[in-house]
Amino acid sequence: MTMTTVKSCTTTACAFNDGGCTALAITVGGSGAKASCDTFVALDARAALSTPSGQVGACKRLECVHNTDLLCTAGAIDVAGDTADCLSYEAS
């Protein structure tokens, strides 16, 4: 199985966003009707990989149609908004 890529991230307040997701792997979590990036860190610094090539390492949203055994099966995901919402989240 391959890991799902973070196709885009426009959450500019995140320390792992430097023209896109630079975390090696993110975790998707959140609660209620929204899924969000649990790896989101609001710091005035930039961290991790030198180029945007983040991937989804784990997904805690069991009810998402893209979740199989805690792994994301979507082709790619988009993350956006002040709270790093996973725009690819789809409840089953």
PDB file of N, CA and C in Angstrom:
ATOM      1  N   MET A   1       0.837  -1.172   0.000  1.00  0.00           N
ATOM      2  CA  MET A   1       0.000   0.000   0.000  1.00  0.00           C
ATOM      3  C   MET A   1       0.887   1.242   0.000  1.00  0.00           C
ATOM      4  N   THR A   2       0.473   2.248  -0.747  1.00  0.00           N
ATOM      5  CA  THR A   2       1.211   3.510  -0.766  1.00  0.00           C
ATOM      6  C   THR A   2       0.509   4.523   0.119  1.00  0.00           C
ATOM      7  N   MET A   3       1.255   5.476   0.598  1.00  0.00           N
ATOM      8  CA  MET A   3       0.677   6.516   1.445  1.00  0.00           C
ATOM      9  C   MET A   3       0.044   7.594   0.572  1.00  0.00           C
ATOM     10  N   THR A   4      -1.052   8.145   1.066  1.00  0.00           N
ATOM     11  CA  THR A   4      -1.769   9.211   0.372  1.00  0.00           C
ATOM     12  C   THR A   4      -1.000  10.514   0.484  1.00  0.00           C
ATOM     13  N   THR A   5      -0.848  11.236  -0.612  1.00  0.00           N
ATOM     14  CA  THR A   5      -0.140  12.515  -0.576  1.00  0.00           C
ATOM     15  C   THR A   5      -1.067  13.643  -0.151  1.00  0.00           C
ATOM     16  N   VAL A   6      -0.469  14.647   0.476  1.00  0.00           N
ATOM     17  CA  VAL A   6      -1.178  15.882   0.781  1.00  0.00           C
ATOM     18  C   VAL A   6      -0.994  16.749  -0.465  1.00  0.00           C
ATOM     19  N   LYS A   7      -2.011  16.749  -1.323  1.00  0.00           N
ATOM     20  CA  LYS A   7      -1.902  17.449  -2.611  1.00  0.00           C
ATOM     21  C   LYS A   7      -1.725  18.945  -2.412  1.00  0.00           C
ATOM     22  N   SER A   8      -2.483  19.511  -1.469  1.00  0.00           N
ATOM     23  CA  SER A   8      -2.333  20.939  -1.178  1.00  0.00           C
ATOM     24  C   SER A   8      -2.673  21.216   0.271  1.00  0.00           C
ATOM     25  N   CYS A   9      -2.005  22.216   0.818  1.00  0.00           N
ATOM     26  CA  CYS A   9      -2.315  22.707   2.160  1.00  0.00           C
ATOM     27  C   CYS A   9      -2.195  24.221   2.126  1.00  0.00           C
ATOM     28  N   THR A  10      -3.284  24.880   2.447  1.00  0.00           N
ATOM     29  CA  THR A  10      -3.291  26.345   2.451  1.00  0.00           C
ATOM     30  C   THR A  10      -3.409  26.904   3.864  1.00  0.00           C
ATOM     31  N   THR A  11      -3.144  26.067   4.866  1.00  0.00           N
ATOM     32  CA  THR A  11      -3.180  26.500   6.257  1.00  0.00           C
ATOM     33  C   THR A  11      -1.851  27.162   6.586  1.00  0.00           C
ATOM     34  N   THR A  12      -1.737  28.438   6.295  1.00  0.00           N
ATOM     35  CA  THR A  12      -0.457  29.146   6.369  1.00  0.00           C
ATOM     36  C   THR A  12       0.084  29.314   7.782  1.00  0.00           C
ATOM     37  N   ALA A  13      -0.743  29.191   8.809  1.00  0.00           N
ATOM     38  CA  ALA A  13      -0.271  29.339  10.186  1.00  0.00           C
ATOM     39  C   ALA A  13       0.463  28.094  10.684  1.00  0.00           C
ATOM     40  N   CYS A  14       0.468  27.032   9.916  1.00  0.00           N
ATOM     41  CA  CYS A  14       1.099  25.782  10.347  1.00  0.00           C
ATOM     42  C   CYS A  14       2.601  25.809  10.083  1.00  0.00           C
ATOM     43  N   ALA A  15       3.375  25.372  11.055  1.00  0.00           N
ATOM     44  CA  ALA A  15       4.831  25.331  10.928  1.00  0.00           C
ATOM     45  C   ALA A  15       5.286  24.329   9.874  1.00  0.00           C
ATOM     46  N   PHE A  16       4.417  23.391   9.491  1.00  0.00           N
ATOM     47  CA  PHE A  16       4.753  22.406   8.471  1.00  0.00           C
ATOM     48  C   PHE A  16       4.291  22.823   7.077  1.00  0.00           C
ATOM     49  N   ASN A  17       3.827  24.064   6.923  1.00  0.00           N
ATOM     50  CA  ASN A  17       3.418  24.541   5.603  1.00  0.00           C
ATOM     51  C   ASN A  17       4.432  25.566   5.120  1.00  0.00           C
ATOM     52  N   ASP A  18       5.131  25.198   4.081  1.00  0.00           N
ATOM     53  CA  ASP A  18       6.106  26.097   3.460  1.00  0.00           C
ATOM     54  C   ASP A  18       5.925  25.954   1.956  1.00  0.00           C
ATOM     55  N   GLY A  19       4.846  26.549   1.450  1.00  0.00           N
ATOM     56  CA  GLY A  19       4.483  26.375   0.048  1.00  0.00           C
ATOM     57  C   GLY A  19       3.792  25.049  -0.190  1.00  0.00           C
ATOM     58  N   GLY A  20       3.327  24.413   0.848  1.00  0.00           N
ATOM     59  CA  GLY A  20       2.696  23.093   0.829  1.00  0.00           C
ATOM     60  C   GLY A  20       3.125  22.345   2.076  1.00  0.00           C
ATOM     61  N   CYS A  21       2.617  21.144   2.246  1.00  0.00           N
ATOM     62  CA  CYS A  21       2.907  20.368   3.454  1.00  0.00           C
ATOM     63  C   CYS A  21       4.321  19.799   3.428  1.00  0.00           C
ATOM     64  N   THR A  22       5.124  20.172   4.428  1.00  0.00           N
ATOM     65  CA  THR A  22       6.499  19.678   4.524  1.00  0.00           C
ATOM     66  C   THR A  22       6.679  18.667   5.658  1.00  0.00           C
ATOM     67  N   ALA A  23       5.568  18.225   6.273  1.00  0.00           N
ATOM     68  CA  ALA A  23       5.670  17.157   7.273  1.00  0.00           C
ATOM     69  C   ALA A  23       5.942  15.847   6.547  1.00  0.00           C
ATOM     70  N   LEU A  24       6.730  14.996   7.134  1.00  0.00           N
ATOM     71  CA  LEU A  24       6.993  13.693   6.525  1.00  0.00           C
ATOM     72  C   LEU A  24       5.683  12.912   6.403  1.00  0.00           C
ATOM     73  N   ALA A  25       4.877  12.935   7.472  1.00  0.00           N
ATOM     74  CA  ALA A  25       3.578  12.271   7.475  1.00  0.00           C
ATOM     75  C   ALA A  25       2.675  12.986   8.468  1.00  0.00           C
ATOM     76  N   ILE A  26       1.405  13.152   8.104  1.00  0.00           N
ATOM     77  CA  ILE A  26       0.441  13.782   8.998  1.00  0.00           C
ATOM     78  C   ILE A  26      -0.540  12.743   9.512  1.00  0.00           C
ATOM     79  N   THR A  27      -1.255  13.107  10.571  1.00  0.00           N
ATOM     80  CA  THR A  27      -2.357  12.307  11.083  1.00  0.00           C
ATOM     81  C   THR A  27      -3.625  13.118  10.902  1.00  0.00           C
ATOM     82  N   VAL A  28      -4.643  12.494  10.336  1.00  0.00           N
ATOM     83  CA  VAL A  28      -5.944  13.145  10.193  1.00  0.00           C
ATOM     84  C   VAL A  28      -6.805  12.711  11.365  1.00  0.00           C
ATOM     85  N   GLY A  29      -7.397  13.694  12.028  1.00  0.00           N
ATOM     86  CA  GLY A  29      -8.256  13.429  13.173  1.00  0.00           C
ATOM     87  C   GLY A  29      -9.428  14.382  13.162  1.00  0.00           C
ATOM     88  N   GLY A  30      -9.654  15.057  14.271  1.00  0.00           N
ATOM     89  CA  GLY A  30     -10.770  15.989  14.372  1.00  0.00           C
ATOM     90  C   GLY A  30     -11.983  15.315  14.993  1.00  0.00           C
ATOM     91  N   SER A  31     -13.083  16.051  15.032  1.00  0.00           N
ATOM     92  CA  SER A  31     -14.306  15.501  15.615  1.00  0.00           C
ATOM     93  C   SER A  31     -15.522  16.114  14.944  1.00  0.00           C
ATOM     94  N   GLY A  32     -16.644  15.488  15.157  1.00  0.00           N
ATOM     95  CA  GLY A  32     -17.877  15.995  14.581  1.00  0.00           C
ATOM     96  C   GLY A  32     -17.892  15.867  13.068  1.00  0.00           C
ATOM     97  N   ALA A  33     -18.484  16.863  12.424  1.00  0.00           N
ATOM     98  CA  ALA A  33     -18.665  16.829  10.973  1.00  0.00           C
ATOM     99  C   ALA A  33     -17.406  17.175  10.194  1.00  0.00           C
ATOM    100  N   LYS A  34     -16.353  17.610  10.884  1.00  0.00           N
ATOM    101  CA  LYS A  34     -15.116  18.007  10.203  1.00  0.00           C
ATOM    102  C   LYS A  34     -13.953  17.116  10.607  1.00  0.00           C
ATOM    103  N   ALA A  35     -13.143  16.786   9.626  1.00  0.00           N
ATOM    104  CA  ALA A  35     -11.875  16.110   9.884  1.00  0.00           C
ATOM    105  C   ALA A  35     -10.789  17.165   9.747  1.00  0.00           C
ATOM    106  N   SER A  36      -9.732  17.022  10.496  1.00  0.00           N
ATOM    107  CA  SER A  36      -8.658  18.013  10.422  1.00  0.00           C
ATOM    108  C   SER A  36      -7.304  17.355  10.615  1.00  0.00           C
ATOM    109  N   CYS A  37      -6.270  18.100  10.281  1.00  0.00           N
ATOM    110  CA  CYS A  37      -4.902  17.624  10.410  1.00  0.00           C
ATOM    111  C   CYS A  37      -4.469  17.762  11.869  1.00  0.00           C
ATOM    112  N   ASP A  38      -4.254  16.636  12.533  1.00  0.00           N
ATOM    113  CA  ASP A  38      -3.794  16.655  13.926  1.00  0.00           C
ATOM    114  C   ASP A  38      -2.314  17.023  14.042  1.00  0.00           C
ATOM    115  N   THR A  39      -1.615  17.082  12.932  1.00  0.00           N
ATOM    116  CA  THR A  39      -0.204  17.439  12.932  1.00  0.00           C
ATOM    117  C   THR A  39      -0.020  18.951  12.899  1.00  0.00           C
ATOM    118  N   PHE A  40      -1.093  19.698  12.723  1.00  0.00           N
ATOM    119  CA  PHE A  40      -1.066  21.158  12.687  1.00  0.00           C
ATOM    120  C   PHE A  40      -0.372  21.715  13.928  1.00  0.00           C
ATOM    121  N   VAL A  41       0.626  22.564  13.715  1.00  0.00           N
ATOM    122  CA  VAL A  41       1.354  23.220  14.799  1.00  0.00           C
ATOM    123  C   VAL A  41       1.467  24.699  14.451  1.00  0.00           C
ATOM    124  N   ALA A  42       0.885  25.549  15.296  1.00  0.00           N
ATOM    125  CA  ALA A  42       0.932  26.995  15.060  1.00  0.00           C
ATOM    126  C   ALA A  42       2.167  27.581  15.730  1.00  0.00           C
ATOM    127  N   LEU A  43       3.233  27.698  14.972  1.00  0.00           N
ATOM    128  CA  LEU A  43       4.479  28.295  15.455  1.00  0.00           C
ATOM    129  C   LEU A  43       4.976  29.285  14.418  1.00  0.00           C
ATOM    130  N   ASP A  44       5.741  30.246  14.850  1.00  0.00           N
ATOM    131  CA  ASP A  44       6.325  31.202  13.923  1.00  0.00           C
ATOM    132  C   ASP A  44       7.680  30.671  13.449  1.00  0.00           C
ATOM    133  N   ALA A  45       7.628  29.493  12.858  1.00  0.00           N
ATOM    134  CA  ALA A  45       8.834  28.821  12.349  1.00  0.00           C
ATOM    135  C   ALA A  45       8.387  27.861  11.262  1.00  0.00           C
ATOM    136  N   ARG A  46       9.305  27.415  10.447  1.00  0.00           N
ATOM    137  CA  ARG A  46       9.015  26.411   9.429  1.00  0.00           C
ATOM    138  C   ARG A  46       9.893  25.206   9.717  1.00  0.00           C
ATOM    139  N   ALA A  47       9.317  24.019   9.519  1.00  0.00           N
ATOM    140  CA  ALA A  47      10.006  22.807   9.944  1.00  0.00           C
ATOM    141  C   ALA A  47       9.911  21.700   8.909  1.00  0.00           C
ATOM    142  N   ALA A  48      10.685  20.674   9.133  1.00  0.00           N
ATOM    143  CA  ALA A  48      10.646  19.384   8.439  1.00  0.00           C
ATOM    144  C   ALA A  48      11.269  19.409   7.059  1.00  0.00           C
ATOM    145  N   LEU A  49      10.639  18.730   6.104  1.00  0.00           N
ATOM    146  CA  LEU A  49      11.209  18.537   4.770  1.00  0.00           C
ATOM    147  C   LEU A  49      11.449  19.858   4.056  1.00  0.00           C
ATOM    148  N   SER A  50      12.452  19.889   3.210  1.00  0.00           N
ATOM    149  CA  SER A  50      12.785  21.133   2.507  1.00  0.00           C
ATOM    150  C   SER A  50      11.861  21.403   1.327  1.00  0.00           C
ATOM    151  N   THR A  51      11.133  20.395   0.871  1.00  0.00           N
ATOM    152  CA  THR A  51      10.165  20.586  -0.211  1.00  0.00           C
ATOM    153  C   THR A  51       8.823  19.999   0.199  1.00  0.00           C
ATOM    154  N   PRO A  52       7.739  20.582  -0.285  1.00  0.00           N
ATOM    155  CA  PRO A  52       6.409  20.072   0.069  1.00  0.00           C
ATOM    156  C   PRO A  52       6.161  18.691  -0.539  1.00  0.00           C
ATOM    157  N   SER A  53       6.142  17.680   0.293  1.00  0.00           N
ATOM    158  CA  SER A  53       5.837  16.328  -0.171  1.00  0.00           C
ATOM    159  C   SER A  53       5.224  15.506   0.959  1.00  0.00           C
ATOM    160  N   GLY A  54       4.378  16.166   1.771  1.00  0.00           N
ATOM    161  CA  GLY A  54       3.748  15.508   2.909  1.00  0.00           C
ATOM    162  C   GLY A  54       2.808  14.391   2.484  1.00  0.00           C
ATOM    163  N   GLN A  55       2.635  13.439   3.383  1.00  0.00           N
ATOM    164  CA  GLN A  55       1.758  12.304   3.152  1.00  0.00           C
ATOM    165  C   GLN A  55       0.905  12.061   4.381  1.00  0.00           C
ATOM    166  N   VAL A  56      -0.158  11.287   4.216  1.00  0.00           N
ATOM    167  CA  VAL A  56      -1.014  10.917   5.348  1.00  0.00           C
ATOM    168  C   VAL A  56      -0.477   9.617   5.923  1.00  0.00           C
ATOM    169  N   GLY A  57       0.020   9.692   7.152  1.00  0.00           N
ATOM    170  CA  GLY A  57       0.544   8.512   7.815  1.00  0.00           C
ATOM    171  C   GLY A  57      -0.536   7.703   8.499  1.00  0.00           C
ATOM    172  N   ALA A  58      -1.549   8.391   9.039  1.00  0.00           N
ATOM    173  CA  ALA A  58      -2.629   7.713   9.743  1.00  0.00           C
ATOM    174  C   ALA A  58      -3.896   8.559   9.669  1.00  0.00           C
ATOM    175  N   CYS A  59      -5.027   7.885   9.768  1.00  0.00           N
ATOM    176  CA  CYS A  59      -6.318   8.578   9.817  1.00  0.00           C
ATOM    177  C   CYS A  59      -7.143   7.982  10.939  1.00  0.00           C
ATOM    178  N   LYS A  60      -7.547   8.841  11.872  1.00  0.00           N
ATOM    179  CA  LYS A  60      -8.327   8.406  13.030  1.00  0.00           C
ATOM    180  C   LYS A  60      -9.834   8.526  12.803  1.00  0.00           C
ATOM    181  N   ARG A  61     -10.245   8.944  11.600  1.00  0.00           N
ATOM    182  CA  ARG A  61     -11.672   9.106  11.304  1.00  0.00           C
ATOM    183  C   ARG A  61     -12.231   7.817  10.703  1.00  0.00           C
ATOM    184  N   LEU A  62     -12.626   6.892  11.577  1.00  0.00           N
ATOM    185  CA  LEU A  62     -13.080   5.574  11.166  1.00  0.00           C
ATOM    186  C   LEU A  62     -14.280   5.607  10.231  1.00  0.00           C
ATOM    187  N   GLU A  63     -15.116   6.642  10.345  1.00  0.00           N
ATOM    188  CA  GLU A  63     -16.324   6.724   9.523  1.00  0.00           C
ATOM    189  C   GLU A  63     -16.074   7.315   8.139  1.00  0.00           C
ATOM    190  N   CYS A  64     -14.850   7.703   7.833  1.00  0.00           N
ATOM    191  CA  CYS A  64     -14.533   8.268   6.521  1.00  0.00           C
ATOM    192  C   CYS A  64     -14.491   7.151   5.474  1.00  0.00           C
ATOM    193  N   VAL A  65     -15.077   7.403   4.309  1.00  0.00           N
ATOM    194  CA  VAL A  65     -15.090   6.393   3.249  1.00  0.00           C
ATOM    195  C   VAL A  65     -13.684   6.075   2.742  1.00  0.00           C
ATOM    196  N   HIS A  66     -12.736   6.954   2.998  1.00  0.00           N
ATOM    197  CA  HIS A  66     -11.360   6.741   2.546  1.00  0.00           C
ATOM    198  C   HIS A  66     -10.488   6.042   3.593  1.00  0.00           C
ATOM    199  N   ASN A  67     -11.065   5.662   4.729  1.00  0.00           N
ATOM    200  CA  ASN A  67     -10.299   5.049   5.813  1.00  0.00           C
ATOM    201  C   ASN A  67     -10.430   3.531   5.760  1.00  0.00           C
ATOM    202  N   THR A  68      -9.298   2.854   5.619  1.00  0.00           N
ATOM    203  CA  THR A  68      -9.248   1.398   5.703  1.00  0.00           C
ATOM    204  C   THR A  68      -8.134   1.040   6.669  1.00  0.00           C
ATOM    205  N   ASP A  69      -8.516   0.428   7.786  1.00  0.00           N
ATOM    206  CA  ASP A  69      -7.544   0.012   8.801  1.00  0.00           C
ATOM    207  C   ASP A  69      -6.661   1.163   9.266  1.00  0.00           C
ATOM    208  N   LEU A  70      -7.260   2.346   9.462  1.00  0.00           N
ATOM    209  CA  LEU A  70      -6.610   3.562   9.945  1.00  0.00           C
ATOM    210  C   LEU A  70      -5.665   4.199   8.927  1.00  0.00           C
ATOM    211  N   LEU A  71      -5.739   3.769   7.678  1.00  0.00           N
ATOM    212  CA  LEU A  71      -4.939   4.354   6.607  1.00  0.00           C
ATOM    213  C   LEU A  71      -5.863   5.045   5.612  1.00  0.00           C
ATOM    214  N   CYS A  72      -5.407   6.141   5.062  1.00  0.00           N
ATOM    215  CA  CYS A  72      -6.173   6.884   4.064  1.00  0.00           C
ATOM    216  C   CYS A  72      -5.971   6.230   2.700  1.00  0.00           C
ATOM    217  N   THR A  73      -7.084   5.959   2.008  1.00  0.00           N
ATOM    218  CA  THR A  73      -7.019   5.333   0.695  1.00  0.00           C
ATOM    219  C   THR A  73      -7.365   6.299  -0.433  1.00  0.00           C
ATOM    220  N   ALA A  74      -7.591   7.575  -0.110  1.00  0.00           N
ATOM    221  CA  ALA A  74      -7.858   8.573  -1.150  1.00  0.00           C
ATOM    222  C   ALA A  74      -6.611   8.729  -2.011  1.00  0.00           C
ATOM    223  N   GLY A  75      -6.792   9.108  -3.260  1.00  0.00           N
ATOM    224  CA  GLY A  75      -5.648   9.317  -4.144  1.00  0.00           C
ATOM    225  C   GLY A  75      -4.737  10.420  -3.647  1.00  0.00           C
ATOM    226  N   ALA A  76      -5.335  11.463  -3.084  1.00  0.00           N
ATOM    227  CA  ALA A  76      -4.619  12.609  -2.506  1.00  0.00           C
ATOM    228  C   ALA A  76      -5.629  13.384  -1.679  1.00  0.00           C
ATOM    229  N   ILE A  77      -5.151  14.200  -0.742  1.00  0.00           N
ATOM    230  CA  ILE A  77      -6.066  15.024   0.054  1.00  0.00           C
ATOM    231  C   ILE A  77      -5.671  16.492  -0.049  1.00  0.00           C
ATOM    232  N   ASP A  78      -6.638  17.345   0.276  1.00  0.00           N
ATOM    233  CA  ASP A  78      -6.421  18.784   0.349  1.00  0.00           C
ATOM    234  C   ASP A  78      -6.721  19.222   1.777  1.00  0.00           C
ATOM    235  N   VAL A  79      -5.872  20.092   2.309  1.00  0.00           N
ATOM    236  CA  VAL A  79      -6.039  20.626   3.657  1.00  0.00           C
ATOM    237  C   VAL A  79      -6.135  22.146   3.536  1.00  0.00           C
ATOM    238  N   ALA A  80      -7.070  22.749   4.275  1.00  0.00           N
ATOM    239  CA  ALA A  80      -7.261  24.202   4.173  1.00  0.00           C
ATOM    240  C   ALA A  80      -7.913  24.751   5.437  1.00  0.00           C
ATOM    241  N   GLY A  81      -7.915  26.060   5.520  1.00  0.00           N
ATOM    242  CA  GLY A  81      -8.596  26.752   6.618  1.00  0.00           C
ATOM    243  C   GLY A  81      -7.730  26.956   7.833  1.00  0.00           C
ATOM    244  N   ASP A  82      -8.208  27.808   8.729  1.00  0.00           N
ATOM    245  CA  ASP A  82      -7.465  28.137   9.948  1.00  0.00           C
ATOM    246  C   ASP A  82      -7.253  26.949  10.863  1.00  0.00           C
ATOM    247  N   THR A  83      -8.140  25.950  10.788  1.00  0.00           N
ATOM    248  CA  THR A  83      -8.017  24.783  11.666  1.00  0.00           C
ATOM    249  C   THR A  83      -7.543  23.546  10.916  1.00  0.00           C
ATOM    250  N   ALA A  84      -6.953  23.722   9.741  1.00  0.00           N
ATOM    251  CA  ALA A  84      -6.370  22.640   8.938  1.00  0.00           C
ATOM    252  C   ALA A  84      -7.376  21.539   8.642  1.00  0.00           C
ATOM    253  N   ASP A  85      -8.498  21.910   8.054  1.00  0.00           N
ATOM    254  CA  ASP A  85      -9.548  20.943   7.724  1.00  0.00           C
ATOM    255  C   ASP A  85      -9.127  20.044   6.568  1.00  0.00           C
ATOM    256  N   CYS A  86      -9.438  18.764   6.683  1.00  0.00           N
ATOM    257  CA  CYS A  86      -9.212  17.825   5.584  1.00  0.00           C
ATOM    258  C   CYS A  86     -10.417  17.934   4.660  1.00  0.00           C
ATOM    259  N   LEU A  87     -10.220  18.561   3.498  1.00  0.00           N
ATOM    260  CA  LEU A  87     -11.321  18.795   2.571  1.00  0.00           C
ATOM    261  C   LEU A  87     -11.724  17.531   1.817  1.00  0.00           C
ATOM    262  N   SER A  88     -10.936  16.487   1.913  1.00  0.00           N
ATOM    263  CA  SER A  88     -11.236  15.224   1.239  1.00  0.00           C
ATOM    264  C   SER A  88     -12.060  14.294   2.102  1.00  0.00           C
ATOM    265  N   TYR A  89     -12.295  14.658   3.357  1.00  0.00           N
ATOM    266  CA  TYR A  89     -13.074  13.842   4.293  1.00  0.00           C
ATOM    267  C   TYR A  89     -14.487  13.644   3.776  1.00  0.00           C
ATOM    268  N   GLU A  90     -14.947  12.402   3.841  1.00  0.00           N
ATOM    269  CA  GLU A  90     -16.292  12.052   3.404  1.00  0.00           C
ATOM    270  C   GLU A  90     -16.851  11.007   4.361  1.00  0.00           C
ATOM    271  N   ALA A  91     -17.859  11.373   5.129  1.00  0.00           N
ATOM    272  CA  ALA A  91     -18.458  10.427   6.075  1.00  0.00           C
ATOM    273  C   ALA A  91     -19.204   9.332   5.325  1.00  0.00           C
ATOM    274  N   SER A  92     -19.115   8.129   5.853  1.00  0.00           N
ATOM    275  CA  SER A  92     -19.819   7.003   5.211  1.00  0.00           C
ATOM    276  C   SER A  92     -21.240   6.905   5.698  1.00  0.00           C
TER     277      SER A  92
END
